[in-house]
Amino acid sequence: MSKILVIEDEPELVTAVKTKLEKEGFEVTTADSGKKGWEIVNREPVDCIILDVILPFTDGVWFLERLRTDPERTKIPVIVFTNLSEGEKVSKIVALGEYRLLVKAETSLNTLVNTIREVLRVYQKSKE
């Protein structure tokens, strides 16, 4: 069972995503800030991260910068799930190598699940 970390601060969306992913057979852990997400990643292994950009205290860019400079965690796949589709923060995310960017308002939960499965297939092959 793949373990997914969802870093999102909108409670209703967290509940919807967590429920859908668990129904699809994923183990799900959640965090409502980049800082809490970073604590989880350092405490337990995860196979994929769903990351919002606009978060309280420490945003998604802060989280990604740390993740991508940590040799033990740099290859963990991240799907950026946000309502931002342009701007400085999105440019920074692309510069950090995150090309899986889904706009919340335009993405169904089924599309999110399919994207997670696709990303995990690639990630598992890279570990072989």
N, C-alpha and C. Protein backbone atom coordinates (compact mmCIF):
# COMPACT_ATOMS: atom_id res chain seq x y z
N MET A 1 0.85 -1.18 0.00
CA MET A 1 0.00 0.00 0.00
C MET A 1 0.89 1.24 0.00
N SER A 2 0.66 2.12 -0.95
CA SER A 2 1.45 3.35 -1.05
C SER A 2 0.96 4.37 -0.03
N LYS A 3 1.94 5.08 0.54
CA LYS A 3 1.62 6.08 1.55
C LYS A 3 1.70 7.48 0.92
N ILE A 4 0.61 8.22 1.05
CA ILE A 4 0.50 9.55 0.48
C ILE A 4 0.44 10.57 1.61
N LEU A 5 1.23 11.63 1.50
CA LEU A 5 1.17 12.75 2.42
C LEU A 5 0.45 13.90 1.71
N VAL A 6 -0.65 14.36 2.30
CA VAL A 6 -1.40 15.48 1.75
C VAL A 6 -1.12 16.70 2.63
N ILE A 7 -0.51 17.72 2.04
CA ILE A 7 -0.22 18.96 2.76
C ILE A 7 -1.17 20.02 2.22
N GLU A 8 -2.19 20.30 2.99
CA GLU A 8 -3.30 21.16 2.56
C GLU A 8 -3.95 21.76 3.81
N ASP A 9 -4.35 23.03 3.74
CA ASP A 9 -4.93 23.69 4.91
C ASP A 9 -6.43 23.89 4.84
N GLU A 10 -7.08 23.49 3.76
CA GLU A 10 -8.54 23.62 3.66
C GLU A 10 -9.18 22.33 4.17
N PRO A 11 -9.79 22.35 5.38
CA PRO A 11 -10.30 21.13 6.01
C PRO A 11 -11.26 20.31 5.14
N GLU A 12 -12.16 20.99 4.42
CA GLU A 12 -13.13 20.25 3.60
C GLU A 12 -12.42 19.51 2.47
N LEU A 13 -11.43 20.15 1.88
CA LEU A 13 -10.68 19.52 0.79
C LEU A 13 -9.84 18.37 1.33
N VAL A 14 -9.23 18.55 2.48
CA VAL A 14 -8.44 17.48 3.10
C VAL A 14 -9.33 16.25 3.31
N THR A 15 -10.51 16.46 3.86
CA THR A 15 -11.44 15.35 4.11
C THR A 15 -11.81 14.65 2.81
N ALA A 16 -12.14 15.42 1.78
CA ALA A 16 -12.55 14.84 0.50
C ALA A 16 -11.41 14.05 -0.14
N VAL A 17 -10.21 14.63 -0.15
CA VAL A 17 -9.06 13.95 -0.76
C VAL A 17 -8.69 12.71 0.04
N LYS A 18 -8.64 12.82 1.35
CA LYS A 18 -8.27 11.68 2.20
C LYS A 18 -9.27 10.54 2.03
N THR A 19 -10.55 10.85 2.04
CA THR A 19 -11.58 9.83 1.88
C THR A 19 -11.45 9.13 0.53
N LYS A 20 -11.28 9.90 -0.54
CA LYS A 20 -11.15 9.33 -1.89
C LYS A 20 -9.90 8.45 -1.99
N LEU A 21 -8.78 8.94 -1.49
CA LEU A 21 -7.54 8.16 -1.59
C LEU A 21 -7.61 6.88 -0.78
N GLU A 22 -8.20 6.94 0.40
CA GLU A 22 -8.34 5.73 1.21
C GLU A 22 -9.25 4.72 0.53
N LYS A 23 -10.33 5.19 -0.10
CA LYS A 23 -11.21 4.28 -0.85
C LYS A 23 -10.48 3.63 -2.01
N GLU A 24 -9.48 4.32 -2.54
CA GLU A 24 -8.69 3.80 -3.67
C GLU A 24 -7.53 2.93 -3.20
N GLY A 25 -7.42 2.73 -1.88
CA GLY A 25 -6.41 1.81 -1.35
C GLY A 25 -5.11 2.43 -0.90
N PHE A 26 -5.05 3.75 -0.81
CA PHE A 26 -3.85 4.42 -0.34
C PHE A 26 -3.91 4.64 1.16
N GLU A 27 -2.76 4.65 1.79
CA GLU A 27 -2.64 5.07 3.19
C GLU A 27 -2.37 6.57 3.15
N VAL A 28 -3.09 7.35 3.93
CA VAL A 28 -3.01 8.81 3.83
C VAL A 28 -2.67 9.42 5.18
N THR A 29 -1.69 10.33 5.15
CA THR A 29 -1.35 11.16 6.30
C THR A 29 -1.54 12.60 5.84
N THR A 30 -1.97 13.47 6.75
CA THR A 30 -2.21 14.87 6.37
C THR A 30 -1.45 15.83 7.27
N ALA A 31 -1.19 17.01 6.71
CA ALA A 31 -0.57 18.11 7.45
C ALA A 31 -1.19 19.40 6.93
N ASP A 32 -1.34 20.38 7.82
CA ASP A 32 -1.97 21.63 7.39
C ASP A 32 -1.00 22.78 7.18
N SER A 33 0.30 22.48 7.18
CA SER A 33 1.31 23.50 6.88
C SER A 33 2.56 22.81 6.34
N GLY A 34 3.40 23.58 5.67
CA GLY A 34 4.66 23.03 5.18
C GLY A 34 5.53 22.53 6.32
N LYS A 35 5.53 23.24 7.43
CA LYS A 35 6.34 22.84 8.58
C LYS A 35 5.90 21.48 9.13
N LYS A 36 4.60 21.30 9.29
CA LYS A 36 4.10 20.01 9.80
C LYS A 36 4.37 18.90 8.78
N GLY A 37 4.23 19.22 7.50
CA GLY A 37 4.55 18.24 6.46
C GLY A 37 6.01 17.83 6.53
N TRP A 38 6.89 18.80 6.75
CA TRP A 38 8.32 18.51 6.84
C TRP A 38 8.61 17.61 8.05
N GLU A 39 7.94 17.86 9.16
CA GLU A 39 8.11 17.00 10.34
C GLU A 39 7.69 15.56 10.03
N ILE A 40 6.59 15.39 9.32
CA ILE A 40 6.12 14.04 8.96
C ILE A 40 7.12 13.35 8.04
N VAL A 41 7.59 14.05 7.02
CA VAL A 41 8.53 13.46 6.06
C VAL A 41 9.82 13.02 6.76
N ASN A 42 10.22 13.74 7.79
CA ASN A 42 11.43 13.38 8.52
C ASN A 42 11.20 12.27 9.53
N ARG A 43 9.94 11.98 9.83
CA ARG A 43 9.61 10.97 10.83
C ARG A 43 9.22 9.64 10.21
N GLU A 44 8.61 9.66 9.03
CA GLU A 44 8.11 8.43 8.43
C GLU A 44 8.22 8.49 6.91
N PRO A 45 8.42 7.35 6.28
CA PRO A 45 8.56 7.34 4.82
C PRO A 45 7.21 7.58 4.14
N VAL A 46 7.26 8.31 3.02
CA VAL A 46 6.07 8.51 2.19
C VAL A 46 6.46 8.22 0.74
N ASP A 47 5.47 7.81 -0.05
CA ASP A 47 5.72 7.47 -1.44
C ASP A 47 5.38 8.60 -2.40
N CYS A 48 4.53 9.52 -1.97
CA CYS A 48 4.12 10.63 -2.83
C CYS A 48 3.56 11.73 -1.93
N ILE A 49 3.75 12.97 -2.37
CA ILE A 49 3.26 14.12 -1.61
C ILE A 49 2.33 14.95 -2.50
N ILE A 50 1.16 15.27 -1.95
CA ILE A 50 0.22 16.19 -2.60
C ILE A 50 0.39 17.51 -1.84
N LEU A 51 0.79 18.56 -2.52
CA LEU A 51 1.21 19.79 -1.85
C LEU A 51 0.47 21.02 -2.36
N ASP A 52 -0.15 21.74 -1.44
CA ASP A 52 -0.71 23.05 -1.77
C ASP A 52 0.43 24.06 -1.71
N VAL A 53 0.27 25.18 -2.37
CA VAL A 53 1.31 26.21 -2.36
C VAL A 53 1.05 27.24 -1.27
N ILE A 54 -0.18 27.70 -1.17
CA ILE A 54 -0.52 28.72 -0.18
C ILE A 54 -0.94 28.01 1.11
N LEU A 55 -0.06 28.09 2.10
CA LEU A 55 -0.26 27.43 3.38
C LEU A 55 0.08 28.40 4.50
N PRO A 56 -0.46 28.20 5.69
CA PRO A 56 -0.10 29.07 6.81
C PRO A 56 1.33 28.79 7.29
N PHE A 57 1.96 29.81 7.83
CA PHE A 57 3.29 29.73 8.46
C PHE A 57 4.40 29.48 7.45
N THR A 58 4.41 28.31 6.83
CA THR A 58 5.44 27.97 5.84
C THR A 58 4.74 27.43 4.60
N ASP A 59 5.00 28.04 3.46
CA ASP A 59 4.25 27.67 2.26
C ASP A 59 4.85 26.47 1.53
N GLY A 60 4.21 26.13 0.42
CA GLY A 60 4.65 24.98 -0.36
C GLY A 60 6.03 25.15 -0.97
N VAL A 61 6.39 26.37 -1.33
CA VAL A 61 7.73 26.62 -1.88
C VAL A 61 8.78 26.34 -0.81
N TRP A 62 8.56 26.80 0.40
CA TRP A 62 9.47 26.52 1.52
C TRP A 62 9.67 25.02 1.67
N PHE A 63 8.57 24.27 1.65
CA PHE A 63 8.63 22.82 1.80
C PHE A 63 9.43 22.19 0.65
N LEU A 64 9.12 22.57 -0.58
CA LEU A 64 9.81 22.00 -1.74
C LEU A 64 11.30 22.30 -1.74
N GLU A 65 11.67 23.51 -1.35
CA GLU A 65 13.10 23.86 -1.31
C GLU A 65 13.85 22.94 -0.36
N ARG A 66 13.27 22.63 0.77
CA ARG A 66 13.92 21.73 1.72
C ARG A 66 13.94 20.29 1.20
N LEU A 67 12.82 19.86 0.64
CA LEU A 67 12.73 18.50 0.13
C LEU A 67 13.74 18.26 -0.99
N ARG A 68 13.85 19.19 -1.91
CA ARG A 68 14.72 19.00 -3.07
C ARG A 68 16.20 19.17 -2.76
N THR A 69 16.54 19.68 -1.58
CA THR A 69 17.95 19.77 -1.19
C THR A 69 18.32 18.71 -0.16
N ASP A 70 17.40 17.85 0.20
CA ASP A 70 17.66 16.77 1.15
C ASP A 70 17.97 15.50 0.36
N PRO A 71 19.21 15.00 0.44
CA PRO A 71 19.60 13.85 -0.38
C PRO A 71 18.75 12.60 -0.16
N GLU A 72 18.20 12.42 1.03
CA GLU A 72 17.40 11.23 1.32
C GLU A 72 15.98 11.35 0.80
N ARG A 73 15.52 12.56 0.53
CA ARG A 73 14.12 12.75 0.18
C ARG A 73 13.90 13.44 -1.16
N THR A 74 14.97 13.79 -1.82
CA THR A 74 14.86 14.59 -3.04
C THR A 74 14.07 13.93 -4.16
N LYS A 75 14.02 12.61 -4.18
CA LYS A 75 13.33 11.91 -5.27
C LYS A 75 11.86 11.60 -4.99
N ILE A 76 11.39 11.91 -3.79
CA ILE A 76 9.97 11.66 -3.49
C ILE A 76 9.12 12.50 -4.46
N PRO A 77 8.20 11.85 -5.18
CA PRO A 77 7.40 12.62 -6.13
C PRO A 77 6.41 13.55 -5.42
N VAL A 78 6.26 14.73 -6.00
CA VAL A 78 5.36 15.73 -5.45
C VAL A 78 4.39 16.16 -6.55
N ILE A 79 3.12 16.17 -6.21
CA ILE A 79 2.09 16.72 -7.09
C ILE A 79 1.62 18.02 -6.44
N VAL A 80 1.89 19.12 -7.10
CA VAL A 80 1.46 20.41 -6.57
C VAL A 80 -0.01 20.59 -6.94
N PHE A 81 -0.84 20.73 -5.90
CA PHE A 81 -2.30 20.79 -6.04
C PHE A 81 -2.75 22.13 -5.47
N THR A 82 -2.96 23.10 -6.34
CA THR A 82 -3.16 24.47 -5.90
C THR A 82 -4.15 25.18 -6.81
N ASN A 83 -4.60 26.33 -6.39
CA ASN A 83 -5.41 27.17 -7.28
C ASN A 83 -4.57 28.23 -7.97
N LEU A 84 -3.28 28.27 -7.67
CA LEU A 84 -2.38 29.17 -8.39
C LEU A 84 -2.00 28.52 -9.70
N SER A 85 -2.08 29.26 -10.78
CA SER A 85 -1.65 28.69 -12.06
C SER A 85 -0.57 29.55 -12.71
N GLU A 86 -0.26 30.67 -12.10
CA GLU A 86 0.80 31.52 -12.61
C GLU A 86 1.33 32.38 -11.47
N GLY A 87 2.42 33.07 -11.73
CA GLY A 87 2.97 33.96 -10.72
C GLY A 87 4.32 33.49 -10.21
N GLU A 88 4.87 34.27 -9.31
CA GLU A 88 6.22 34.03 -8.80
C GLU A 88 6.36 32.68 -8.10
N LYS A 89 5.39 32.32 -7.27
CA LYS A 89 5.48 31.04 -6.55
C LYS A 89 5.44 29.87 -7.52
N VAL A 90 4.60 29.94 -8.53
CA VAL A 90 4.53 28.87 -9.52
C VAL A 90 5.85 28.79 -10.29
N SER A 91 6.44 29.92 -10.62
CA SER A 91 7.74 29.94 -11.30
C SER A 91 8.81 29.27 -10.45
N LYS A 92 8.80 29.53 -9.15
CA LYS A 92 9.76 28.88 -8.25
C LYS A 92 9.54 27.38 -8.21
N ILE A 93 8.30 26.95 -8.20
CA ILE A 93 7.98 25.52 -8.17
C ILE A 93 8.50 24.84 -9.42
N VAL A 94 8.27 25.45 -10.57
CA VAL A 94 8.76 24.88 -11.83
C VAL A 94 10.29 24.84 -11.81
N ALA A 95 10.93 25.88 -11.28
CA ALA A 95 12.39 25.90 -11.20
C ALA A 95 12.92 24.79 -10.30
N LEU A 96 12.13 24.37 -9.33
CA LEU A 96 12.54 23.27 -8.44
C LEU A 96 12.28 21.91 -9.07
N GLY A 97 11.78 21.89 -10.29
CA GLY A 97 11.58 20.64 -11.00
C GLY A 97 10.23 20.00 -10.82
N GLU A 98 9.26 20.73 -10.33
CA GLU A 98 7.92 20.16 -10.12
C GLU A 98 7.06 20.44 -11.34
N TYR A 99 6.86 19.43 -12.15
CA TYR A 99 6.08 19.62 -13.36
C TYR A 99 4.69 19.03 -13.24
N ARG A 100 4.38 18.40 -12.14
CA ARG A 100 3.03 17.89 -11.90
C ARG A 100 2.29 18.94 -11.11
N LEU A 101 1.68 19.85 -11.80
CA LEU A 101 0.95 20.92 -11.15
C LEU A 101 -0.50 20.80 -11.58
N LEU A 102 -1.38 20.54 -10.64
CA LEU A 102 -2.81 20.43 -10.91
C LEU A 102 -3.54 21.60 -10.27
N VAL A 103 -4.39 22.25 -11.03
CA VAL A 103 -5.19 23.36 -10.50
C VAL A 103 -6.43 22.77 -9.85
N LYS A 104 -6.60 23.02 -8.57
CA LYS A 104 -7.72 22.43 -7.80
C LYS A 104 -9.07 22.64 -8.48
N ALA A 105 -9.34 23.86 -8.88
CA ALA A 105 -10.65 24.18 -9.44
C ALA A 105 -10.94 23.45 -10.75
N GLU A 106 -9.89 22.95 -11.40
CA GLU A 106 -10.04 22.29 -12.70
C GLU A 106 -9.80 20.79 -12.64
N THR A 107 -9.57 20.24 -11.45
CA THR A 107 -9.15 18.84 -11.33
C THR A 107 -10.13 18.05 -10.48
N SER A 108 -10.65 16.97 -11.03
CA SER A 108 -11.53 16.09 -10.26
C SER A 108 -10.69 15.19 -9.35
N LEU A 109 -11.32 14.62 -8.35
CA LEU A 109 -10.61 13.69 -7.48
C LEU A 109 -10.15 12.46 -8.26
N ASN A 110 -10.93 12.04 -9.26
CA ASN A 110 -10.51 10.91 -10.09
C ASN A 110 -9.23 11.24 -10.87
N THR A 111 -9.14 12.46 -11.39
CA THR A 111 -7.93 12.87 -12.09
C THR A 111 -6.75 12.91 -11.13
N LEU A 112 -6.97 13.39 -9.92
CA LEU A 112 -5.90 13.40 -8.91
C LEU A 112 -5.42 11.98 -8.64
N VAL A 113 -6.34 11.04 -8.46
CA VAL A 113 -5.98 9.64 -8.21
C VAL A 113 -5.19 9.07 -9.38
N ASN A 114 -5.64 9.32 -10.60
CA ASN A 114 -4.93 8.81 -11.77
C ASN A 114 -3.53 9.40 -11.88
N THR A 115 -3.39 10.67 -11.54
CA THR A 115 -2.08 11.31 -11.56
C THR A 115 -1.17 10.70 -10.50
N ILE A 116 -1.70 10.44 -9.32
CA ILE A 116 -0.91 9.80 -8.26
C ILE A 116 -0.43 8.43 -8.74
N ARG A 117 -1.31 7.64 -9.32
CA ARG A 117 -0.93 6.31 -9.80
C ARG A 117 0.17 6.39 -10.86
N GLU A 118 0.04 7.33 -11.77
CA GLU A 118 1.04 7.50 -12.82
C GLU A 118 2.39 7.89 -12.23
N VAL A 119 2.38 8.86 -11.32
CA VAL A 119 3.61 9.32 -10.68
C VAL A 119 4.26 8.18 -9.88
N LEU A 120 3.45 7.40 -9.18
CA LEU A 120 3.99 6.28 -8.39
C LEU A 120 4.60 5.21 -9.28
N ARG A 121 4.00 4.94 -10.45
CA ARG A 121 4.58 3.96 -11.38
C ARG A 121 5.99 4.38 -11.79
N VAL A 122 6.13 5.64 -12.16
CA VAL A 122 7.43 6.17 -12.57
C VAL A 122 8.41 6.11 -11.40
N TYR A 123 7.97 6.50 -10.22
CA TYR A 123 8.82 6.50 -9.02
C TYR A 123 9.28 5.09 -8.68
N GLN A 124 8.37 4.12 -8.73
CA GLN A 124 8.74 2.74 -8.41
C GLN A 124 9.75 2.20 -9.42
N LYS A 125 9.58 2.52 -10.70
CA LYS A 125 10.54 2.07 -11.72
C LYS A 125 11.91 2.67 -11.48
N SER A 126 11.96 3.91 -11.03
CA SER A 126 13.24 4.57 -10.79
C SER A 126 13.97 3.97 -9.59
N LYS A 127 13.23 3.31 -8.71
CA LYS A 127 13.85 2.69 -7.52
C LYS A 127 14.38 1.29 -7.83
N GLU A 128 13.98 0.71 -8.97
CA GLU A 128 14.38 -0.67 -9.31
C GLU A 128 15.81 -0.71 -9.81
